[in-house]
Protein backbone atom coordinates (compact mmCIF):
# COMPACT_ATOMS: atom_id res chain seq x y z
CA ARG A 1 191.69 94.46 127.45
CA LYS A 2 188.52 92.28 127.05
CA ARG A 3 189.88 89.90 129.65
CA GLY A 4 190.03 92.59 132.08
CA TYR A 5 186.11 93.86 131.19
CA GLY A 6 185.20 90.36 131.86
CA GLY A 7 186.77 89.48 134.91
CA VAL A 8 185.38 92.97 136.07
CA SER A 9 182.11 92.29 134.91
CA ALA A 10 181.53 88.55 135.96
CA ILE A 11 180.11 89.34 139.57
CA ARG A 12 177.83 91.93 138.05
CA ASN A 13 176.55 89.71 135.09
CA LEU A 14 176.05 86.56 137.74
CA VAL A 15 174.21 89.22 139.79
CA ILE A 16 172.00 90.36 137.28
CA ASP A 17 171.45 86.59 135.48
CA HIS A 18 170.08 85.67 138.76
CA MET A 19 168.00 88.86 139.42
CA ARG A 20 166.32 88.25 135.88
CA GLU A 21 165.48 84.30 136.81
CA GLU A 22 163.71 85.36 139.94
CA ALA A 23 162.11 88.69 138.68
CA PHE A 24 164.22 90.51 141.61
CA ASP A 25 164.43 94.52 140.80
CA LEU A 26 167.11 94.55 143.51
CA ALA A 27 170.12 93.49 144.72
CA ILE A 28 171.76 94.42 147.63
CA CYS A 29 175.22 93.27 148.13
CA ASP A 30 176.94 94.35 152.17
CA THR A 31 180.59 95.06 151.68
CA GLY A 32 183.09 95.45 153.95
CA PRO A 33 184.93 98.95 154.83
CA ASN A 34 187.38 98.91 152.38
CA ILE A 35 188.44 99.75 148.91
CA GLY A 36 189.54 96.56 148.37
CA PRO A 37 189.26 94.68 144.75
CA LEU A 38 186.40 92.78 145.76
CA ASN A 39 184.19 96.21 146.40
CA ARG A 40 186.01 97.72 143.42
CA VAL A 41 184.19 95.07 141.10
CA LEU A 42 180.88 95.59 142.87
CA LEU A 43 181.01 99.50 143.41
CA LEU A 44 181.48 99.65 139.47
CA GLY A 45 178.88 96.98 138.27
CA ALA A 46 176.27 98.91 140.68
CA SER A 47 174.03 101.56 139.45
CA HIS A 48 173.36 103.04 143.10
CA PHE A 49 175.26 102.59 146.39
CA VAL A 50 174.83 103.99 150.10
CA VAL A 51 177.07 104.34 152.38
CA PRO A 52 176.54 104.34 156.06
CA LEU A 53 178.40 107.17 157.96
CA ALA A 54 178.61 108.36 161.38
CA CYS A 55 178.83 111.95 162.73
CA ASP A 56 182.68 111.96 162.76
CA GLY A 57 186.25 112.82 160.99
CA PHE A 58 186.48 109.29 160.24
CA SER A 59 183.41 108.99 158.26
CA LEU A 60 184.40 111.90 156.34
CA ARG A 61 188.11 110.98 155.69
CA ALA A 62 186.52 107.81 154.38
CA ILE A 63 183.73 109.20 152.05
CA ARG A 64 186.71 111.09 150.68
CA THR A 65 189.00 108.31 150.31
CA LEU A 66 186.25 106.42 148.50
CA GLY A 67 184.89 109.00 146.40
CA ASN A 68 188.31 109.28 144.93
CA ALA A 69 188.64 105.83 144.54
CA VAL A 70 185.50 105.42 142.57
CA PHE A 71 186.75 108.56 140.51
CA GLY A 72 190.40 106.84 139.53
CA TRP A 73 188.39 103.35 138.74
CA ILE A 74 185.90 104.98 136.46
CA GLU A 75 189.14 106.72 134.49
CA GLU A 76 191.06 103.88 134.55
C-alpha cells in the first residue's frame, strides 16, 4: 500500500519541492481532457482545480463523469 501512495504522490511531491525552492505560491498543471492515470495523480494531489466548460451537453456529461471519477478515486 505504501508503494501505491508513493507512486501517486511522487509528482505532487516533485511540484511542491520545486515550488518551495523557487518561492512559488501556485502551480498550474494543464491536463488533457480525460480521466487517465496522469490526470488522476494530478487531481488527487491538487488542493483546487478548475474545469473549463462550454455551454453544451457534452460539457455537462464530462463534468458528471469527472465528478464521479474523482469521488471514486478518493474512496479508493
